[in-house]
Structure formats: C-alpha cells, structure tokens
Amino acid sequence: MPKNKILVVDDEVDFTKLLKSNLEETGKFEVLALSNANDIISQVHGFKPDIILLDIIMPGTKGIEVCEILNKDIIGKAIPIIIISALAKDADKYKAYRVGVVDYMEKPIEIGRLIEKIDKYIQFKQK
C-alpha cells in the first residue's frame, strides 16, 4: 500500500526532525521536511504531498504567504494545509483560515491528535 506523503515546513529543525520521526514510525507516511518555504512550488510539484504541515513564523516566506502562493498554483491549491504554530491568538487563526487552511494546531502538539487530523483530511481529499 502506498504511503501518504506529508510535507512539513517549519524553521525549527529539531521540531521537524521529531515530527518526521514520529509520523514515519507509524508506517503510513512518507515525510519531507523543509526548514524554509523559499522554493515551495518546486518542492510541491516534485514531492506531490497529500497534506502540508506548515508553521506561520519563519524567516523569509511566512506561512500565510505560503498559503497564498499555493492557492495560485494548480497543484498547490488542492493540498490541505494544517498550521502548526506557537501563535495562539484568534486573529492569527482567523488569518490562516481566511487563506484556506483546513486546521490550526498550537504548539506543543499531541502527535496522536495530529495523526487523527492528517488521516481525516487525507481521506476527505481522496473522496
């Protein structure tokens, strides 16, 4: 059975390593982790993720900008995005939902809950 592909974009390298390890341990996912979103379109076109886990605060291209870029891309606009961020204000969540993210989780995250959400959105996308 093919594994679902997850693209993780977060500048906290230790966090992405831990997330990648935890997700790949399930045996269900193939994970590509990026520490910046500078070439997000080429990465999305090359890797073809089923879902994207995205931080908001990053050097260079910020998470909200990444969503806007992906929304204009033929492949990118079809990929569900879950924000994983330390930002907890309603205004930050509102901005994220306005650019089309499917969910928003605050750090620190509970990995089991994240996996449930990933499974849900991937199943929804495949229907």
N, C-alpha and C. Protein backbone atom coordinates (compact mmCIF):
# COMPACT_ATOMS: atom_id res chain seq x y z
N MET A 1 0.85 -1.19 0.00
CA MET A 1 0.00 0.00 0.00
C MET A 1 0.89 1.24 0.00
N PRO A 2 0.64 2.18 -0.91
CA PRO A 2 1.49 3.38 -0.93
C PRO A 2 1.28 4.25 0.31
N LYS A 3 2.36 4.87 0.73
CA LYS A 3 2.29 5.75 1.91
C LYS A 3 1.79 7.12 1.48
N ASN A 4 1.04 7.76 2.37
CA ASN A 4 0.62 9.13 2.13
C ASN A 4 1.83 10.03 2.36
N LYS A 5 1.93 11.07 1.53
CA LYS A 5 3.08 11.98 1.60
C LYS A 5 2.71 13.23 2.38
N ILE A 6 3.58 13.59 3.31
CA ILE A 6 3.39 14.77 4.14
C ILE A 6 4.59 15.69 3.95
N LEU A 7 4.30 16.96 3.65
CA LEU A 7 5.34 17.98 3.56
C LEU A 7 5.27 18.81 4.83
N VAL A 8 6.37 18.85 5.58
CA VAL A 8 6.45 19.65 6.81
C VAL A 8 7.34 20.85 6.52
N VAL A 9 6.83 22.05 6.79
CA VAL A 9 7.61 23.28 6.57
C VAL A 9 7.65 24.06 7.88
N ASP A 10 8.83 24.05 8.52
CA ASP A 10 9.00 24.72 9.81
C ASP A 10 10.49 25.01 9.98
N ASP A 11 10.82 26.21 10.44
CA ASP A 11 12.23 26.58 10.58
C ASP A 11 12.87 26.00 11.83
N GLU A 12 12.10 25.40 12.73
CA GLU A 12 12.66 24.75 13.92
C GLU A 12 13.08 23.34 13.53
N VAL A 13 14.36 23.17 13.24
CA VAL A 13 14.87 21.90 12.71
C VAL A 13 14.63 20.73 13.66
N ASP A 14 14.83 20.94 14.96
CA ASP A 14 14.61 19.86 15.93
C ASP A 14 13.15 19.42 15.92
N PHE A 15 12.25 20.39 15.81
CA PHE A 15 10.81 20.07 15.77
C PHE A 15 10.48 19.26 14.52
N THR A 16 11.02 19.66 13.37
CA THR A 16 10.70 18.93 12.13
C THR A 16 11.29 17.52 12.16
N LYS A 17 12.49 17.36 12.74
CA LYS A 17 13.09 16.02 12.85
C LYS A 17 12.22 15.12 13.71
N LEU A 18 11.76 15.65 14.85
CA LEU A 18 10.91 14.88 15.76
C LEU A 18 9.58 14.53 15.11
N LEU A 19 8.99 15.50 14.44
CA LEU A 19 7.71 15.29 13.76
C LEU A 19 7.87 14.25 12.65
N LYS A 20 8.90 14.39 11.84
CA LYS A 20 9.18 13.44 10.75
C LYS A 20 9.33 12.03 11.32
N SER A 21 10.12 11.89 12.37
CA SER A 21 10.36 10.60 13.00
C SER A 21 9.05 9.99 13.53
N ASN A 22 8.28 10.78 14.26
CA ASN A 22 7.01 10.29 14.82
C ASN A 22 6.02 9.88 13.74
N LEU A 23 5.93 10.65 12.67
CA LEU A 23 4.98 10.34 11.60
C LEU A 23 5.43 9.11 10.80
N GLU A 24 6.73 9.02 10.52
CA GLU A 24 7.23 7.88 9.75
C GLU A 24 7.18 6.58 10.54
N GLU A 25 7.27 6.68 11.88
CA GLU A 25 7.19 5.49 12.75
C GLU A 25 5.86 4.75 12.59
N THR A 26 4.82 5.47 12.20
CA THR A 26 3.50 4.84 12.05
C THR A 26 3.49 3.86 10.87
N GLY A 27 4.44 4.04 9.94
CA GLY A 27 4.48 3.20 8.75
C GLY A 27 3.50 3.62 7.67
N LYS A 28 2.73 4.69 7.94
CA LYS A 28 1.70 5.14 6.99
C LYS A 28 2.15 6.31 6.13
N PHE A 29 3.23 6.99 6.54
CA PHE A 29 3.57 8.25 5.90
C PHE A 29 5.01 8.30 5.41
N GLU A 30 5.18 9.03 4.31
CA GLU A 30 6.50 9.43 3.82
C GLU A 30 6.55 10.93 4.06
N VAL A 31 7.60 11.40 4.74
CA VAL A 31 7.66 12.80 5.15
C VAL A 31 8.87 13.50 4.55
N LEU A 32 8.62 14.67 3.97
CA LEU A 32 9.69 15.56 3.52
C LEU A 32 9.63 16.80 4.41
N ALA A 33 10.74 17.10 5.07
CA ALA A 33 10.79 18.26 5.97
C ALA A 33 11.65 19.36 5.36
N LEU A 34 11.11 20.56 5.34
CA LEU A 34 11.83 21.74 4.85
C LEU A 34 11.96 22.75 5.98
N SER A 35 13.12 23.43 6.04
CA SER A 35 13.30 24.45 7.07
C SER A 35 12.93 25.85 6.59
N ASN A 36 12.58 25.96 5.30
CA ASN A 36 12.08 27.24 4.78
C ASN A 36 11.17 26.96 3.59
N ALA A 37 10.42 27.97 3.20
CA ALA A 37 9.45 27.79 2.12
C ALA A 37 9.87 28.51 0.84
N ASN A 38 11.14 28.81 0.71
CA ASN A 38 11.60 29.62 -0.41
C ASN A 38 11.30 29.02 -1.78
N ASP A 39 11.38 27.72 -1.91
CA ASP A 39 11.08 27.10 -3.21
C ASP A 39 9.90 26.13 -3.08
N ILE A 40 8.87 26.60 -2.40
CA ILE A 40 7.72 25.75 -2.05
C ILE A 40 7.04 25.15 -3.29
N ILE A 41 6.88 25.91 -4.34
CA ILE A 41 6.17 25.39 -5.52
C ILE A 41 6.95 24.24 -6.16
N SER A 42 8.25 24.40 -6.32
CA SER A 42 9.02 23.30 -6.93
C SER A 42 9.02 22.08 -6.01
N GLN A 43 9.06 22.29 -4.71
CA GLN A 43 9.01 21.17 -3.76
C GLN A 43 7.66 20.44 -3.85
N VAL A 44 6.58 21.21 -3.91
CA VAL A 44 5.24 20.63 -4.01
C VAL A 44 5.08 19.87 -5.33
N HIS A 45 5.57 20.44 -6.41
CA HIS A 45 5.45 19.78 -7.72
C HIS A 45 6.30 18.51 -7.77
N GLY A 46 7.47 18.53 -7.13
CA GLY A 46 8.34 17.36 -7.14
C GLY A 46 7.89 16.25 -6.20
N PHE A 47 7.49 16.62 -5.00
CA PHE A 47 7.14 15.65 -3.95
C PHE A 47 5.67 15.21 -4.03
N LYS A 48 4.80 16.11 -4.47
CA LYS A 48 3.35 15.87 -4.57
C LYS A 48 2.75 15.37 -3.24
N PRO A 49 2.81 16.22 -2.21
CA PRO A 49 2.31 15.79 -0.90
C PRO A 49 0.78 15.67 -0.88
N ASP A 50 0.30 14.80 0.01
CA ASP A 50 -1.14 14.66 0.22
C ASP A 50 -1.64 15.71 1.20
N ILE A 51 -0.73 16.20 2.03
CA ILE A 51 -1.08 17.23 3.02
C ILE A 51 0.19 17.99 3.39
N ILE A 52 0.01 19.24 3.82
CA ILE A 52 1.14 20.08 4.23
C ILE A 52 0.94 20.51 5.67
N LEU A 53 1.98 20.36 6.49
CA LEU A 53 2.00 20.87 7.86
C LEU A 53 2.92 22.08 7.84
N LEU A 54 2.39 23.23 8.23
CA LEU A 54 3.07 24.50 7.98
C LEU A 54 3.12 25.39 9.21
N ASP A 55 4.29 25.95 9.48
CA ASP A 55 4.45 26.94 10.54
C ASP A 55 4.11 28.32 9.97
N ILE A 56 3.74 29.24 10.83
CA ILE A 56 3.45 30.60 10.36
C ILE A 56 4.68 31.49 10.42
N ILE A 57 5.40 31.43 11.55
CA ILE A 57 6.54 32.32 11.74
C ILE A 57 7.81 31.64 11.26
N MET A 58 8.32 32.12 10.12
CA MET A 58 9.56 31.58 9.56
C MET A 58 10.33 32.73 8.93
N PRO A 59 11.66 32.59 8.86
CA PRO A 59 12.42 33.61 8.14
C PRO A 59 12.10 33.51 6.65
N GLY A 60 12.20 34.62 5.95
CA GLY A 60 11.87 34.60 4.52
C GLY A 60 10.37 34.56 4.32
N THR A 61 9.91 33.59 3.58
CA THR A 61 8.49 33.49 3.26
C THR A 61 7.71 32.97 4.47
N LYS A 62 6.77 33.76 4.95
CA LYS A 62 5.96 33.39 6.12
C LYS A 62 4.86 32.41 5.73
N GLY A 63 4.31 31.73 6.72
CA GLY A 63 3.29 30.72 6.48
C GLY A 63 2.06 31.21 5.73
N ILE A 64 1.56 32.38 6.08
CA ILE A 64 0.38 32.92 5.40
C ILE A 64 0.70 33.18 3.93
N GLU A 65 1.90 33.72 3.66
CA GLU A 65 2.32 33.95 2.27
C GLU A 65 2.41 32.62 1.50
N VAL A 66 2.89 31.58 2.17
CA VAL A 66 2.99 30.26 1.55
C VAL A 66 1.60 29.80 1.11
N CYS A 67 0.61 29.97 1.98
CA CYS A 67 -0.77 29.60 1.63
C CYS A 67 -1.24 30.36 0.41
N GLU A 68 -0.96 31.66 0.37
CA GLU A 68 -1.37 32.49 -0.77
C GLU A 68 -0.70 32.04 -2.06
N ILE A 69 0.58 31.69 -1.97
CA ILE A 69 1.32 31.19 -3.14
C ILE A 69 0.71 29.88 -3.62
N LEU A 70 0.46 28.96 -2.69
CA LEU A 70 -0.10 27.66 -3.05
C LEU A 70 -1.51 27.78 -3.63
N ASN A 71 -2.28 28.73 -3.13
CA ASN A 71 -3.65 28.94 -3.64
C ASN A 71 -3.67 29.31 -5.12
N LYS A 72 -2.56 29.88 -5.62
CA LYS A 72 -2.48 30.31 -7.02
C LYS A 72 -1.88 29.21 -7.91
N ASP A 73 -1.50 28.09 -7.31
CA ASP A 73 -0.84 27.02 -8.05
C ASP A 73 -1.81 25.88 -8.33
N ILE A 74 -1.77 25.33 -9.53
CA ILE A 74 -2.69 24.28 -9.96
C ILE A 74 -2.62 23.04 -9.05
N ILE A 75 -1.43 22.66 -8.63
CA ILE A 75 -1.28 21.50 -7.73
C ILE A 75 -1.46 21.94 -6.27
N GLY A 76 -0.82 23.04 -5.91
CA GLY A 76 -0.83 23.51 -4.53
C GLY A 76 -2.21 23.78 -3.96
N LYS A 77 -3.10 24.31 -4.79
CA LYS A 77 -4.41 24.70 -4.26
C LYS A 77 -5.27 23.50 -3.85
N ALA A 78 -4.92 22.30 -4.30
CA ALA A 78 -5.69 21.11 -3.96
C ALA A 78 -5.18 20.38 -2.71
N ILE A 79 -4.10 20.89 -2.12
CA ILE A 79 -3.49 20.20 -0.99
C ILE A 79 -3.96 20.82 0.33
N PRO A 80 -4.54 20.00 1.22
CA PRO A 80 -4.95 20.52 2.53
C PRO A 80 -3.73 20.97 3.34
N ILE A 81 -3.89 22.07 4.06
CA ILE A 81 -2.82 22.61 4.89
C ILE A 81 -3.28 22.68 6.34
N ILE A 82 -2.46 22.12 7.23
CA ILE A 82 -2.69 22.26 8.67
C ILE A 82 -1.57 23.16 9.20
N ILE A 83 -1.95 24.22 9.87
CA ILE A 83 -0.98 25.11 10.50
C ILE A 83 -0.61 24.53 11.86
N ILE A 84 0.70 24.51 12.14
CA ILE A 84 1.19 24.15 13.47
C ILE A 84 2.05 25.32 13.91
N SER A 85 1.57 26.07 14.90
CA SER A 85 2.22 27.32 15.26
C SER A 85 2.19 27.59 16.75
N ALA A 86 3.15 28.38 17.19
CA ALA A 86 3.15 28.84 18.58
C ALA A 86 2.18 30.00 18.76
N LEU A 87 1.73 30.59 17.66
CA LEU A 87 0.79 31.71 17.74
C LEU A 87 -0.59 31.19 18.15
N ALA A 88 -1.12 31.76 19.24
CA ALA A 88 -2.39 31.24 19.77
C ALA A 88 -3.54 32.25 19.72
N LYS A 89 -3.28 33.44 19.19
CA LYS A 89 -4.34 34.46 19.16
C LYS A 89 -5.39 34.13 18.10
N ASP A 90 -6.63 34.48 18.41
CA ASP A 90 -7.72 34.26 17.44
C ASP A 90 -7.45 34.98 16.12
N ALA A 91 -6.83 36.16 16.19
CA ALA A 91 -6.55 36.93 14.97
C ALA A 91 -5.60 36.16 14.05
N ASP A 92 -4.62 35.46 14.62
CA ASP A 92 -3.70 34.67 13.82
C ASP A 92 -4.43 33.49 13.18
N LYS A 93 -5.29 32.85 13.95
CA LYS A 93 -6.07 31.72 13.42
C LYS A 93 -7.00 32.20 12.31
N TYR A 94 -7.62 33.34 12.52
CA TYR A 94 -8.54 33.91 11.53
C TYR A 94 -7.82 34.15 10.20
N LYS A 95 -6.61 34.74 10.28
CA LYS A 95 -5.83 34.99 9.06
C LYS A 95 -5.55 33.68 8.32
N ALA A 96 -5.20 32.65 9.08
CA ALA A 96 -4.88 31.35 8.48
C ALA A 96 -6.12 30.74 7.81
N TYR A 97 -7.24 30.76 8.49
CA TYR A 97 -8.46 30.19 7.90
C TYR A 97 -8.91 30.99 6.68
N ARG A 98 -8.66 32.29 6.69
CA ARG A 98 -9.04 33.13 5.53
C ARG A 98 -8.27 32.77 4.28
N VAL A 99 -7.06 32.24 4.43
CA VAL A 99 -6.29 31.83 3.25
C VAL A 99 -6.45 30.34 2.95
N GLY A 100 -7.42 29.70 3.60
CA GLY A 100 -7.81 28.36 3.21
C GLY A 100 -7.23 27.17 3.95
N VAL A 101 -6.59 27.37 5.10
CA VAL A 101 -6.10 26.19 5.82
C VAL A 101 -7.28 25.38 6.33
N VAL A 102 -7.07 24.07 6.48
CA VAL A 102 -8.17 23.20 6.93
C VAL A 102 -8.19 23.06 8.45
N ASP A 103 -7.03 23.31 9.09
CA ASP A 103 -6.98 23.19 10.55
C ASP A 103 -5.81 24.00 11.09
N TYR A 104 -5.84 24.22 12.41
CA TYR A 104 -4.84 25.04 13.08
C TYR A 104 -4.55 24.39 14.42
N MET A 105 -3.31 24.02 14.65
CA MET A 105 -2.92 23.43 15.94
C MET A 105 -1.84 24.30 16.59
N GLU A 106 -1.97 24.47 17.90
CA GLU A 106 -0.98 25.25 18.64
C GLU A 106 0.11 24.33 19.18
N LYS A 107 1.36 24.82 19.12
CA LYS A 107 2.46 24.09 19.73
C LYS A 107 2.39 24.28 21.24
N PRO A 108 2.75 23.32 22.04
CA PRO A 108 3.18 21.97 21.64
C PRO A 108 1.97 21.14 21.20
N ILE A 109 2.20 20.25 20.26
CA ILE A 109 1.11 19.43 19.74
C ILE A 109 1.16 18.04 20.34
N GLU A 110 0.01 17.38 20.30
CA GLU A 110 -0.09 15.98 20.73
C GLU A 110 -0.09 15.17 19.44
N ILE A 111 0.91 14.30 19.26
CA ILE A 111 1.12 13.61 17.99
C ILE A 111 -0.06 12.73 17.59
N GLY A 112 -0.67 12.08 18.55
CA GLY A 112 -1.83 11.23 18.23
C GLY A 112 -2.98 12.03 17.64
N ARG A 113 -3.21 13.20 18.19
CA ARG A 113 -4.27 14.08 17.69
C ARG A 113 -3.94 14.58 16.28
N LEU A 114 -2.67 14.90 16.07
CA LEU A 114 -2.24 15.36 14.75
C LEU A 114 -2.45 14.25 13.71
N ILE A 115 -2.08 13.03 14.04
CA ILE A 115 -2.24 11.91 13.11
C ILE A 115 -3.72 11.70 12.77
N GLU A 116 -4.59 11.83 13.76
CA GLU A 116 -6.04 11.72 13.51
C GLU A 116 -6.48 12.78 12.49
N LYS A 117 -6.02 14.00 12.68
CA LYS A 117 -6.38 15.09 11.77
C LYS A 117 -5.83 14.83 10.37
N ILE A 118 -4.58 14.40 10.28
CA ILE A 118 -3.97 14.10 8.99
C ILE A 118 -4.79 13.04 8.26
N ASP A 119 -5.10 11.94 8.96
CA ASP A 119 -5.89 10.86 8.36
C ASP A 119 -7.24 11.38 7.85
N LYS A 120 -7.89 12.20 8.67
CA LYS A 120 -9.20 12.75 8.32
C LYS A 120 -9.13 13.58 7.05
N TYR A 121 -8.17 14.50 6.97
CA TYR A 121 -8.11 15.39 5.82
C TYR A 121 -7.63 14.68 4.56
N ILE A 122 -6.77 13.69 4.70
CA ILE A 122 -6.34 12.92 3.54
C ILE A 122 -7.52 12.10 2.98
N GLN A 123 -8.29 11.49 3.88
CA GLN A 123 -9.47 10.72 3.43
C GLN A 123 -10.46 11.64 2.74
N PHE A 124 -10.68 12.82 3.32
CA PHE A 124 -11.62 13.79 2.74
C PHE A 124 -11.16 14.23 1.37
N LYS A 125 -9.85 14.45 1.21
CA LYS A 125 -9.28 14.89 -0.08
C LYS A 125 -9.45 13.82 -1.15
N GLN A 126 -9.33 12.55 -0.76
CA GLN A 126 -9.36 11.46 -1.72
C GLN A 126 -10.77 11.13 -2.20
N LYS A 127 -11.80 11.66 -1.56
CA LYS A 127 -13.18 11.38 -1.97
C LYS A 127 -13.60 12.21 -3.14
